């Protein structure tokens, strides 16, 4: 069996930063606060909705006591915004090629299940993956390696290759002991040169050869 390949979602397969920014600013507007720029919201994402809300509160005058009241409203705004989600160019074709080659593919994201389902539907990814692990499916989230291990095991293997875009993805891959392929046009705070990775790519047409080479290295005697 081919080595499984597990993908991150936000910033790896979909350009979700505009949607997250829109949801954040809708919430802030309702609460009487000024909007935040995409560059600021970029620093909130990657670790799930709980961390995002804590970072949002820390960056604004929002009362920390309103955390529980605001969370479901943010999720509702994001579910609406996700209807406009757009895939990065070539991402869906690359996933279809891997499926056609018999490569087991999965999704491992910190996005909660409630926001994930409409996002996958809007992006046409609802039936692409052999396994989908959402941020609230397990007790631990990335960068803990448990979600990655769970993804690979659900695909019938103990290990595989991880494709992501951020510092959190890189740490999860390192802690899981698996090769990490980073997408150049993703969502991150650090420079790619400062993020540990095995291979970087900017065009999904190049992904097939990259994965083939990594699998050959990984399975060589």
Protein backbone atom coordinates (compact mmCIF):
# COMPACT_ATOMS: atom_id res chain seq x y z
CA UNK A 1 0.00 0.00 0.00
CA UNK A 2 1.19 3.50 -0.78
CA UNK A 3 2.25 5.61 2.17
CA UNK A 4 -0.72 7.70 3.41
CA UNK A 5 -0.65 11.45 2.87
CA UNK A 6 -2.49 13.66 5.37
CA UNK A 7 -3.26 17.30 4.65
CA UNK A 8 -3.90 20.33 6.77
CA UNK A 9 -6.83 22.45 5.54
CA UNK A 10 -6.60 26.20 6.23
CA UNK A 11 -3.75 27.78 4.32
CA UNK A 12 -2.82 24.45 2.75
CA UNK A 13 -5.80 23.49 0.60
CA UNK A 14 -8.10 26.48 1.09
CA UNK A 15 -7.52 30.22 1.23
CA UNK A 16 -9.55 30.69 4.43
CA UNK A 17 -7.91 33.77 5.93
CA UNK A 18 -10.39 36.19 4.26
CA UNK A 19 -13.30 34.14 5.62
CA UNK A 20 -11.88 34.07 9.15
CA UNK A 21 -11.19 37.80 9.01
CA UNK A 22 -14.74 38.46 7.84
CA UNK A 23 -16.21 36.38 10.69
CA UNK A 24 -14.01 38.11 13.27
CA UNK A 25 -14.97 41.56 12.04
CA UNK A 26 -18.68 40.77 11.90
CA UNK A 27 -18.45 39.75 15.55
CA UNK A 28 -16.48 42.86 16.49
CA UNK A 29 -18.94 45.10 14.67
CA UNK A 30 -21.84 43.58 16.59
CA UNK A 31 -19.98 44.31 19.82
CA UNK A 32 -19.18 47.90 18.84
CA UNK A 33 -15.47 47.39 18.22
CA UNK A 34 -13.42 48.48 15.18
CA UNK A 35 -12.39 45.86 12.59
CA UNK A 36 -9.02 44.15 12.51
CA UNK A 37 -6.75 43.76 9.50
CA UNK A 38 -6.07 40.45 7.83
CA UNK A 39 -2.46 40.66 8.97
CA UNK A 40 -3.57 40.82 12.62
CA UNK A 41 -6.15 38.03 12.25
CA UNK A 42 -3.43 35.91 10.63
CA UNK A 43 -1.73 35.74 14.03
CA UNK A 44 -4.91 34.30 15.61
CA UNK A 45 -5.36 31.22 13.43
CA UNK A 46 -3.97 27.71 13.37
CA UNK A 47 -4.65 26.42 16.87
CA UNK A 48 -8.43 26.18 16.79
CA UNK A 49 -11.37 28.38 17.73
CA UNK A 50 -10.64 28.54 21.47
CA UNK A 51 -7.15 29.96 20.95
CA UNK A 52 -8.46 32.29 18.24
CA UNK A 53 -11.00 33.78 20.64
CA UNK A 54 -8.42 34.21 23.40
CA UNK A 55 -6.10 36.00 20.97
CA UNK A 56 -8.96 38.13 19.67
CA UNK A 57 -9.85 39.22 23.18
CA UNK A 58 -6.21 39.97 24.01
CA UNK A 59 -5.88 42.17 20.91
CA UNK A 60 -9.07 44.20 21.51
CA UNK A 61 -11.20 45.76 24.22
CA UNK A 62 -13.54 42.76 24.27
CA UNK A 63 -14.31 41.70 27.82
CA UNK A 64 -12.73 38.30 28.63
CA UNK A 65 -15.88 37.48 30.61
CA UNK A 66 -17.77 37.39 27.29
CA UNK A 67 -15.73 34.46 25.94
CA UNK A 68 -18.48 31.85 26.28
CA UNK A 69 -21.14 34.22 24.96
CA UNK A 70 -19.16 35.18 21.87
CA UNK A 71 -17.83 31.77 20.84
CA UNK A 72 -21.05 30.35 19.33
CA UNK A 73 -21.65 33.62 17.50
CA UNK A 74 -18.19 33.52 15.97
CA UNK A 75 -18.75 29.93 14.85
CA UNK A 76 -22.09 30.93 13.29
CA UNK A 77 -20.46 33.82 11.41
CA UNK A 78 -17.70 31.53 10.21
CA UNK A 79 -20.14 28.89 9.02
CA UNK A 80 -21.77 31.58 6.86
CA UNK A 81 -18.47 33.00 5.64
CA UNK A 82 -17.22 29.50 4.77
CA UNK A 83 -19.82 29.28 2.01
CA UNK A 84 -17.44 31.48 0.00
CA UNK A 85 -14.38 29.31 0.68
CA UNK A 86 -12.03 28.95 -2.27
CA UNK A 87 -9.46 26.24 -2.87
CA UNK A 88 -5.92 27.15 -3.80
CA UNK A 89 -5.32 26.66 -7.55
CA UNK A 90 -4.70 23.03 -8.43
CA UNK A 91 -5.40 21.66 -4.94
CA UNK A 92 -8.53 19.67 -5.81
CA UNK A 93 -6.97 18.21 -8.96
CA UNK A 94 -3.96 17.10 -6.92
CA UNK A 95 -6.22 15.31 -4.42
CA UNK A 96 -8.10 13.59 -7.23
CA UNK A 97 -4.80 12.45 -8.78
CA UNK A 98 -3.71 10.91 -5.49
CA UNK A 99 -7.04 9.11 -5.16
CA UNK A 100 -6.73 7.81 -8.71
CA UNK A 101 -3.25 6.46 -7.92
CA UNK A 102 -4.59 4.62 -4.87
CA UNK A 103 -2.77 6.81 -2.35
CA UNK A 104 -4.70 6.92 0.97
CA UNK A 105 -5.33 10.59 1.80
CA UNK A 106 -6.72 12.20 4.91
CA UNK A 107 -7.41 15.59 6.45
CA UNK A 108 -6.18 16.67 9.89
CA UNK A 109 -7.22 20.17 10.95
CA UNK A 110 -7.64 22.17 14.13
CA UNK A 111 -10.89 23.60 12.77
CA UNK A 112 -13.89 22.45 14.89
CA UNK A 113 -16.32 20.01 13.31
CA UNK A 114 -19.21 22.53 13.29
CA UNK A 115 -17.25 24.94 11.10
CA UNK A 116 -15.48 22.20 9.15
CA UNK A 117 -18.49 20.52 7.56
CA UNK A 118 -19.83 23.60 5.69
CA UNK A 119 -16.29 24.52 4.67
CA UNK A 120 -15.65 21.11 3.10
CA UNK A 121 -19.01 21.22 1.33
CA UNK A 122 -18.39 24.70 -0.07
CA UNK A 123 -14.92 23.72 -1.29
CA UNK A 124 -16.10 20.47 -2.91
CA UNK A 125 -14.04 18.37 -0.50
CA UNK A 126 -16.86 16.49 1.18
CA UNK A 127 -16.08 13.08 -0.33
CA UNK A 128 -12.39 13.35 -1.17
CA UNK A 129 -10.68 12.06 1.98
CA UNK A 130 -10.51 8.59 3.45
CA UNK A 131 -10.53 10.12 6.93
CA UNK A 132 -11.26 13.59 8.29
CA UNK A 133 -10.05 14.52 11.79
CA UNK A 134 -11.47 17.80 13.10
CA UNK A 135 -9.99 19.88 15.89
CA UNK A 136 -12.54 18.80 18.47
CA UNK A 137 -12.67 15.11 17.53
CA UNK A 138 -9.90 14.24 20.01
CA UNK A 139 -8.87 15.58 23.40
CA UNK A 140 -5.62 16.96 21.92
CA UNK A 141 -5.02 19.21 18.92
CA UNK A 142 -1.99 19.97 16.77
CA UNK A 143 0.85 20.60 17.48
CA UNK A 144 0.28 17.54 19.65
CA UNK A 145 1.04 14.55 17.39
CA UNK A 146 -2.02 12.54 18.48
CA UNK A 147 -4.33 13.82 15.70
CA UNK A 148 -1.73 12.94 13.07
CA UNK A 149 -1.18 9.47 14.50
CA UNK A 150 -4.94 8.96 14.59
CA UNK A 151 -5.25 10.06 10.96
CA UNK A 152 -2.58 7.65 9.75
CA UNK A 153 -4.01 4.79 11.77
CA UNK A 154 -7.50 5.40 10.37
CA UNK A 155 -5.90 5.13 6.92
CA UNK A 156 -4.38 1.78 7.83
CA UNK A 157 -0.81 2.79 8.62
CA UNK A 158 1.40 3.80 11.53
CA UNK A 159 3.12 6.61 9.66
CA UNK A 160 2.89 8.69 6.50
CA UNK A 161 3.57 12.15 5.05
CA UNK A 162 2.07 15.40 6.29
CA UNK A 163 1.35 18.42 4.07
CA UNK A 164 0.71 21.75 5.79
CA UNK A 165 1.62 25.40 5.83
CA UNK A 166 2.35 26.65 9.34
CA UNK A 167 4.56 26.51 12.39
CA UNK A 168 1.94 24.38 14.13
CA UNK A 169 1.91 21.86 11.29
CA UNK A 170 5.69 21.69 11.28
CA UNK A 171 5.83 21.01 15.03
CA UNK A 172 3.13 18.34 14.77
CA UNK A 173 5.06 16.59 11.99
CA UNK A 174 8.32 16.79 13.92
CA UNK A 175 6.75 15.35 17.06
CA UNK A 176 5.13 12.59 15.02
CA UNK A 177 8.42 11.82 13.29
CA UNK A 178 7.02 12.13 9.76
CA UNK A 179 8.17 14.07 6.67
CA UNK A 180 6.66 17.55 6.40
CA UNK A 181 5.86 19.23 3.09
CA UNK A 182 5.08 22.94 3.40
CA UNK A 183 2.92 25.01 1.04
CA UNK A 184 4.52 28.36 0.23
CA UNK A 185 1.30 30.39 -0.04
CA UNK A 186 -0.15 29.42 3.34
CA UNK A 187 -0.98 31.15 6.62
CA UNK A 188 1.93 31.63 9.01
CA UNK A 189 3.71 34.22 11.10
CA UNK A 190 7.31 33.05 10.69
CA UNK A 191 9.31 32.97 7.48
CA UNK A 192 9.37 29.56 5.79
CA UNK A 193 13.14 29.47 6.24
CA UNK A 194 12.56 29.48 10.01
CA UNK A 195 10.05 26.61 9.91
CA UNK A 196 11.46 23.05 9.83
CA UNK A 197 10.33 21.20 6.69
CA UNK A 198 11.53 18.55 4.27
CA UNK A 199 10.26 20.09 1.04
CA UNK A 200 8.54 23.34 0.08
CA UNK A 201 6.18 23.67 -2.90
CA UNK A 202 4.28 26.54 -4.49
CA UNK A 203 2.44 24.70 -7.27
CA UNK A 204 0.19 21.70 -6.70
CA UNK A 205 1.35 20.27 -10.02
CA UNK A 206 4.69 19.59 -8.32
CA UNK A 207 3.19 17.72 -5.37
CA UNK A 208 2.99 14.28 -7.02
CA UNK A 209 6.72 14.08 -7.68
CA UNK A 210 7.54 15.42 -4.20
CA UNK A 211 5.40 12.78 -2.52
CA UNK A 212 6.81 10.03 -4.74
CA UNK A 213 10.36 11.02 -3.79
CA UNK A 214 9.56 11.17 -0.07
CA UNK A 215 7.87 7.79 -0.16
CA UNK A 216 10.85 6.26 -1.96
CA UNK A 217 13.17 7.68 0.71
CA UNK A 218 10.91 6.54 3.53
CA UNK A 219 10.46 2.99 2.25
CA UNK A 220 14.03 2.41 0.98
CA UNK A 221 15.72 -0.60 2.65
